[in-house]
Amino acid sequence: MTTTLITGINGQLAGLIAGVLARQSDLRVIGIDRKPPEHAIAGVEFHRSDMRGRSLRTVLQATAAEVVLHLAQVGEEQAVPSHEVAVRGNVLATMELLGACVAVDVRRVVLRSSTLVYGARHDLPLFLGESTPLRTTGVGDLPHDYVEVERFADDFSDKHADLGITVLRCARLVGAGVSSPLVRYLRQRTPFTILGFDPLIQVLHPDDAALAFVLAVLTPDVAGAFNLAADQPLTLSHAIRLAGGQPLPLAGPLFRTASLLGGVLPAGALPSDTAFLRYPCIADTRRAHDRLGWAPQHSAEDALRELAPQQARAVSAKE
């Protein structure tokens, strides 16, 4: 029986993955977090941990975990109060986790990342493969943290070949009950956009993201990076309307000062750096299809409609 440990078990995505893995007869599933989940997950053992280096090593030794899924990222399901908190929770915590895994002979680690690690620029090709150089446009945001994590993981893998590292680059999660940077942006009645720009974007339903993580655990000898996204990209303005909102374009110089307009755009309300509101960042998902046998079951439009009020859903379904 293989023991799989999931960090950040209180998160929605972690809970979905744990629930599916716990139904596998040959897996023992353990979840760790700073406090127990509000609702226990059938078949999942809980161990309390502050997810720092020494605490991680102790729980990994005690459980004899062989595979670790790292889903304790800061800034995905909840906004963070500062850049320092994000760096501590994302970059440094991942470094400590990988070090603890090597110390106790964990065989494989699956890390969550984002398709936004490719950045957004006018000169990028339409579909970006996993070999595309990583480059973000903002400093101090979540995609930048993911780039730092991936660069460290890549160097770490070169030095510790016995530890297999798989990185799942998820498009922005969207669906009923999801809290993500993009969802928090789309929940506004009139999300600000940049006048003259309407980039293609990709989204991913949490059920499809969970399936990919499950397949990464169950598929032997799989390592490296995999892009995950719903099959059809769509324009930002269309995404806003599907979610029940109406885009409000602002001229570029005004956009950066929108947060001063009576608090209409509070800190953290944008889905990412403003470059992603100008230019597309579209990932090629063929490697996940071919190597993991993964295929999304939810279209981008269906995922976005789950955000809309019931009346707006009926209207968008007729369009």
Protein backbone atom coordinates (compact mmCIF):
# COMPACT_ATOMS: atom_id res chain seq x y z
CA MET A 1 0.00 0.00 0.00
CA THR A 2 1.36 3.42 -1.01
CA THR A 3 1.14 6.28 1.50
CA THR A 4 0.31 9.64 -0.06
CA LEU A 5 0.52 12.85 1.97
CA ILE A 6 -1.26 16.06 0.97
CA THR A 7 -0.25 19.43 2.39
CA GLY A 8 -2.86 22.16 2.84
CA ILE A 9 -5.70 19.67 3.29
CA ASN A 10 -8.06 22.50 4.33
CA GLY A 11 -8.08 23.85 0.77
CA GLN A 12 -10.88 23.07 -1.63
CA LEU A 13 -8.66 21.55 -4.31
CA ALA A 14 -6.75 19.48 -1.76
CA GLY A 15 -10.03 18.17 -0.35
CA LEU A 16 -11.27 17.16 -3.80
CA ILE A 17 -8.05 15.30 -4.56
CA ALA A 18 -7.95 13.60 -1.17
CA GLY A 19 -11.52 12.39 -1.53
CA VAL A 20 -10.79 10.72 -4.86
CA LEU A 21 -7.48 9.19 -3.75
CA ALA A 22 -9.05 7.82 -0.56
CA ARG A 23 -11.36 5.67 -2.67
CA GLN A 24 -8.37 3.84 -4.17
CA SER A 25 -7.99 0.50 -2.41
CA ASP A 26 -4.18 0.47 -2.54
CA LEU A 27 -3.60 3.99 -1.17
CA ARG A 28 -3.29 5.37 2.34
CA VAL A 29 -4.08 9.10 2.26
CA ILE A 30 -2.88 11.56 4.89
CA GLY A 31 -3.70 15.26 5.02
CA ILE A 32 -1.74 17.84 6.96
CA ASP A 33 -2.50 21.44 7.83
CA ARG A 34 -2.33 23.86 10.72
CA LYS A 35 -5.84 22.91 11.81
CA PRO A 36 -8.21 20.03 10.94
CA PRO A 37 -10.67 20.40 8.03
CA GLU A 38 -14.09 21.75 9.02
CA HIS A 39 -15.60 18.54 7.68
CA ALA A 40 -13.69 15.27 7.92
CA ILE A 41 -12.88 13.60 4.59
CA ALA A 42 -13.81 9.92 4.55
CA GLY A 43 -10.76 7.68 4.43
CA VAL A 44 -8.26 10.51 5.00
CA GLU A 45 -6.09 10.64 8.15
CA PHE A 46 -5.34 14.10 9.51
CA HIS A 47 -2.04 15.15 11.11
CA ARG A 48 -1.53 18.64 12.48
CA SER A 49 1.57 20.46 11.21
CA ASP A 50 2.71 24.05 10.84
CA MET A 51 4.31 22.88 7.57
CA ARG A 52 7.70 24.26 8.50
CA GLY A 53 10.90 22.26 7.97
CA ARG A 54 11.21 20.40 11.28
CA SER A 55 7.46 19.79 11.58
CA LEU A 56 7.31 18.48 8.02
CA ARG A 57 10.19 16.12 8.57
CA THR A 58 8.58 14.76 11.75
CA VAL A 59 5.23 14.02 10.10
CA LEU A 60 6.88 12.55 7.00
CA GLN A 61 8.92 10.19 9.17
CA ALA A 62 5.94 9.25 11.34
CA THR A 63 3.71 8.42 8.38
CA ALA A 64 6.38 6.89 6.10
CA ALA A 65 4.95 8.91 3.21
CA GLU A 66 6.17 7.85 -0.23
CA VAL A 67 4.37 10.44 -2.39
CA VAL A 68 3.73 14.07 -1.37
CA LEU A 69 1.25 16.46 -3.02
CA HIS A 70 2.06 20.05 -2.12
CA LEU A 71 -1.15 22.11 -2.15
CA ALA A 72 -0.53 24.57 0.69
CA GLN A 73 0.05 27.57 -1.57
CA VAL A 74 -0.68 31.05 -0.21
CA GLY A 75 -2.70 33.45 -2.37
CA GLU A 76 -4.80 30.97 -4.33
CA GLU A 77 -7.93 30.34 -2.28
CA GLN A 78 -7.42 33.33 0.01
CA ALA A 79 -5.85 36.70 -0.63
CA VAL A 80 -2.68 37.36 1.36
CA PRO A 81 -1.93 40.44 3.49
CA SER A 82 1.60 41.03 2.20
CA HIS A 83 4.29 39.92 -0.22
CA GLU A 84 6.42 38.71 2.68
CA VAL A 85 3.68 36.34 3.83
CA ALA A 86 3.31 34.98 0.28
CA VAL A 87 7.05 34.37 -0.14
CA ARG A 88 7.20 32.63 3.23
CA GLY A 89 4.19 30.44 2.42
CA ASN A 90 5.06 29.67 -1.19
CA VAL A 91 8.76 29.82 -1.99
CA LEU A 92 10.44 29.14 1.35
CA ALA A 93 7.86 26.56 2.42
CA THR A 94 8.43 24.59 -0.80
CA MET A 95 12.18 24.69 -0.29
CA GLU A 96 11.73 23.29 3.22
CA LEU A 97 9.31 20.65 1.98
CA LEU A 98 11.67 19.35 -0.69
CA GLY A 99 14.52 19.26 1.79
CA ALA A 100 12.40 17.30 4.27
CA CYS A 101 11.35 14.85 1.53
CA VAL A 102 14.96 14.07 0.64
CA ALA A 103 15.89 13.67 4.30
CA VAL A 104 13.30 10.92 4.84
CA ASP A 105 13.52 9.25 1.42
CA VAL A 106 10.17 10.29 -0.08
CA ARG A 107 10.04 8.91 -3.64
CA ARG A 108 7.93 11.51 -5.45
CA VAL A 109 6.60 15.04 -5.01
CA VAL A 110 3.80 16.65 -7.02
CA LEU A 111 3.86 20.46 -6.96
CA ARG A 112 1.10 22.84 -7.95
CA SER A 113 2.06 25.67 -10.27
CA SER A 114 0.31 27.91 -12.80
CA THR A 115 0.25 28.41 -16.56
CA LEU A 116 0.87 32.08 -15.79
CA VAL A 117 4.55 31.28 -15.24
CA TYR A 118 5.06 31.91 -18.97
CA GLY A 119 4.16 35.56 -18.58
CA ALA A 120 2.07 37.65 -20.97
CA ARG A 121 3.68 39.51 -23.85
CA HIS A 122 2.69 40.58 -27.34
CA ASP A 123 5.35 38.40 -28.97
CA LEU A 124 4.48 35.02 -27.39
CA PRO A 125 3.21 32.21 -29.67
CA LEU A 126 -0.43 31.27 -29.23
CA PHE A 127 0.11 27.86 -27.61
CA LEU A 128 2.95 27.55 -25.10
CA GLY A 129 4.56 24.17 -24.46
CA GLU A 130 6.17 23.15 -21.20
CA SER A 131 9.65 23.92 -22.56
CA THR A 132 8.79 27.62 -22.97
CA PRO A 133 11.10 29.71 -20.74
CA LEU A 134 9.42 30.88 -17.54
CA ARG A 135 8.99 34.60 -17.24
CA THR A 136 6.52 36.70 -15.30
CA THR A 137 5.89 40.38 -15.77
CA GLY A 138 5.06 41.27 -12.16
CA VAL A 139 7.33 41.14 -9.12
CA GLY A 140 5.77 40.15 -5.84
CA ASP A 141 2.69 38.44 -7.25
CA LEU A 142 1.63 34.78 -7.19
CA PRO A 143 2.90 33.86 -10.69
CA HIS A 144 6.30 35.25 -9.70
CA ASP A 145 6.29 32.98 -6.63
CA TYR A 146 5.49 29.99 -8.83
CA VAL A 147 8.41 30.82 -11.12
CA GLU A 148 10.75 30.96 -8.14
CA VAL A 149 9.39 27.64 -6.85
CA GLU A 150 9.82 25.95 -10.23
CA ARG A 151 13.35 27.23 -10.71
CA PHE A 152 14.34 25.99 -7.28
CA ALA A 153 12.62 22.62 -7.87
CA ASP A 154 14.44 22.22 -11.18
CA ASP A 155 17.84 22.84 -9.57
CA PHE A 156 16.91 20.63 -6.64
CA SER A 157 15.95 17.79 -8.96
CA ASP A 158 19.34 17.96 -10.68
CA LYS A 159 21.06 17.51 -7.32
CA HIS A 160 18.68 14.85 -5.96
CA ALA A 161 17.87 12.52 -8.83
CA ASP A 162 16.27 9.95 -6.51
CA LEU A 163 13.37 12.32 -5.83
CA GLY A 164 10.91 12.49 -8.73
CA ILE A 165 9.29 15.92 -9.06
CA THR A 166 6.12 16.49 -11.10
CA VAL A 167 4.82 20.02 -11.63
CA LEU A 168 1.20 20.60 -12.65
CA ARG A 169 0.73 24.06 -14.16
CA CYS A 170 -2.95 24.83 -13.69
CA ALA A 171 -4.83 27.48 -15.60
CA ARG A 172 -6.81 29.75 -13.29
CA LEU A 173 -9.42 27.77 -11.36
CA VAL A 174 -13.05 28.72 -11.98
CA GLY A 175 -16.24 27.04 -10.84
CA ALA A 176 -19.01 27.09 -8.27
CA GLY A 177 -17.63 27.46 -4.75
CA VAL A 178 -14.12 28.30 -5.98
CA SER A 179 -12.13 31.15 -4.49
CA SER A 180 -9.24 32.10 -6.76
CA PRO A 181 -7.66 35.38 -7.91
CA LEU A 182 -9.63 35.23 -11.17
CA VAL A 183 -12.92 34.33 -9.46
CA ARG A 184 -12.53 37.20 -6.99
CA TYR A 185 -12.04 39.53 -9.96
CA LEU A 186 -15.02 38.13 -11.87
CA ARG A 187 -17.31 38.38 -8.83
CA GLN A 188 -17.24 42.15 -9.19
CA ARG A 189 -20.30 43.55 -10.94
CA THR A 190 -18.17 45.57 -13.39
CA PRO A 191 -14.57 44.30 -13.46
CA PHE A 192 -12.16 46.86 -14.85
CA THR A 193 -10.45 45.99 -18.13
CA ILE A 194 -7.96 47.96 -20.21
CA LEU A 195 -9.39 49.90 -23.11
CA GLY A 196 -8.31 48.47 -26.46
CA PHE A 197 -7.27 45.06 -25.08
CA ASP A 198 -9.31 41.86 -24.86
CA PRO A 199 -6.86 38.96 -24.47
CA LEU A 200 -7.64 35.28 -24.73
CA ILE A 201 -7.55 33.55 -21.35
CA GLN A 202 -7.70 29.96 -20.12
CA VAL A 203 -9.52 28.57 -17.09
CA LEU A 204 -9.74 25.18 -15.40
CA HIS A 205 -12.58 23.60 -13.45
CA PRO A 206 -11.47 22.31 -10.02
CA ASP A 207 -12.81 18.83 -10.76
CA ASP A 208 -10.54 18.62 -13.82
CA ALA A 209 -7.58 19.92 -11.83
CA ALA A 210 -8.23 17.29 -9.14
CA LEU A 211 -8.33 14.54 -11.77
CA ALA A 212 -4.91 15.58 -13.07
CA PHE A 213 -3.36 15.42 -9.59
CA VAL A 214 -4.90 11.99 -9.01
CA LEU A 215 -3.48 10.75 -12.32
CA ALA A 216 -0.07 12.19 -11.41
CA VAL A 217 -0.13 10.06 -8.24
CA LEU A 218 -1.39 6.92 -9.94
CA THR A 219 0.79 7.09 -13.07
CA PRO A 220 4.24 5.63 -12.40
CA ASP A 221 7.48 7.22 -13.60
CA VAL A 222 5.92 10.55 -14.53
CA ALA A 223 8.03 13.62 -13.91
CA GLY A 224 8.46 17.11 -15.29
CA ALA A 225 5.91 19.84 -16.01
CA PHE A 226 2.38 19.50 -17.39
CA ASN A 227 0.02 22.24 -18.56
CA LEU A 228 -3.64 21.94 -17.54
CA ALA A 229 -6.51 24.00 -18.96
CA ALA A 230 -9.99 23.64 -20.40
CA ASP A 231 -9.83 22.88 -24.10
CA GLN A 232 -11.09 26.19 -25.53
CA PRO A 233 -9.64 29.59 -24.55
CA LEU A 234 -11.99 32.58 -24.68
CA THR A 235 -11.71 36.34 -24.50
CA LEU A 236 -11.60 38.13 -21.17
CA SER A 237 -14.73 40.15 -21.98
CA HIS A 238 -16.66 36.98 -22.83
CA ALA A 239 -15.50 35.38 -19.58
CA ILE A 240 -16.74 38.37 -17.59
CA ARG A 241 -20.16 38.23 -19.25
CA LEU A 242 -20.48 34.47 -18.76
CA ALA A 243 -19.81 35.01 -15.06
CA GLY A 244 -22.67 37.50 -14.92
CA GLY A 245 -20.70 40.75 -15.02
CA GLN A 246 -20.08 43.56 -17.46
CA PRO A 247 -16.55 44.67 -18.38
CA LEU A 248 -15.71 48.30 -17.66
CA PRO A 249 -12.83 49.40 -19.92
CA LEU A 250 -10.50 52.10 -18.66
CA ALA A 251 -7.78 53.88 -20.59
CA GLY A 252 -4.34 52.57 -19.64
CA PRO A 253 -3.19 55.62 -17.59
CA LEU A 254 -6.43 55.55 -15.58
CA PHE A 255 -6.31 51.82 -14.90
CA ARG A 256 -3.48 52.00 -12.39
CA THR A 257 -5.27 54.67 -10.39
CA ALA A 258 -8.64 52.89 -10.33
CA SER A 259 -8.05 51.73 -6.77
CA LEU A 260 -8.25 55.38 -5.67
CA LEU A 261 -11.80 55.80 -6.98
CA GLY A 262 -13.63 55.35 -3.74
CA GLY A 263 -12.12 51.96 -3.04
CA VAL A 264 -13.82 50.43 -6.11
CA LEU A 265 -10.75 48.32 -6.83
CA PRO A 266 -9.27 47.26 -3.49
CA ALA A 267 -5.83 45.70 -3.23
CA GLY A 268 -5.84 42.12 -4.49
CA ALA A 269 -8.95 42.50 -6.66
CA LEU A 270 -7.08 42.08 -9.95
CA PRO A 271 -6.61 38.48 -11.10
CA SER A 272 -2.89 38.94 -11.82
CA ASP A 273 -0.41 41.48 -13.11
CA THR A 274 -1.99 43.90 -15.57
CA ALA A 275 0.06 42.43 -18.44
CA PHE A 276 -2.36 39.47 -18.40
CA LEU A 277 -5.21 41.92 -19.03
CA ARG A 278 -3.44 43.10 -22.19
CA TYR A 279 -1.87 40.01 -23.75
CA PRO A 280 -2.73 36.30 -23.93
CA CYS A 281 -0.98 33.47 -22.13
CA ILE A 282 -2.32 30.25 -23.66
CA ALA A 283 -0.77 26.90 -22.71
CA ASP A 284 -0.59 23.77 -24.83
CA THR A 285 -2.09 20.85 -22.87
CA ARG A 286 -1.16 17.98 -25.21
CA ARG A 287 1.56 16.59 -22.92
CA ALA A 288 -0.96 16.05 -20.10
CA HIS A 289 -3.29 14.33 -22.57
CA ASP A 290 -0.53 12.08 -23.91
CA ARG A 291 1.48 11.26 -20.78
CA LEU A 292 -1.15 11.37 -18.02
CA GLY A 293 -4.17 10.32 -20.05
CA TRP A 294 -5.88 13.47 -18.78
CA ALA A 295 -8.76 15.21 -20.54
CA PRO A 296 -10.90 18.02 -19.07
CA GLN A 297 -14.58 17.23 -18.65
CA HIS A 298 -15.69 20.86 -18.26
CA SER A 299 -15.50 23.50 -20.97
CA ALA A 300 -14.32 27.00 -20.12
CA GLU A 301 -17.80 28.37 -20.79
CA ASP A 302 -19.47 25.85 -18.49
CA ALA A 303 -17.01 26.57 -15.68
CA LEU A 304 -17.58 30.32 -15.97
CA ARG A 305 -21.37 29.97 -16.08
CA GLU A 306 -21.18 28.35 -12.65
CA LEU A 307 -20.17 31.74 -11.26
CA ALA A 308 -23.17 33.60 -12.65
CA PRO A 309 -26.42 34.19 -10.74
CA GLN A 310 -29.18 31.86 -11.89
CA GLN A 311 -30.92 34.50 -14.00
CA ALA A 312 -27.69 35.46 -15.75
CA ARG A 313 -26.93 31.77 -16.44
CA ALA A 314 -30.20 31.43 -18.33
CA VAL A 315 -29.43 34.51 -20.44
CA SER A 316 -25.86 33.42 -21.27
CA ALA A 317 -27.02 29.92 -22.21
CA LYS A 318 -29.21 31.46 -24.93
CA GLU A 319 -26.41 33.53 -26.45
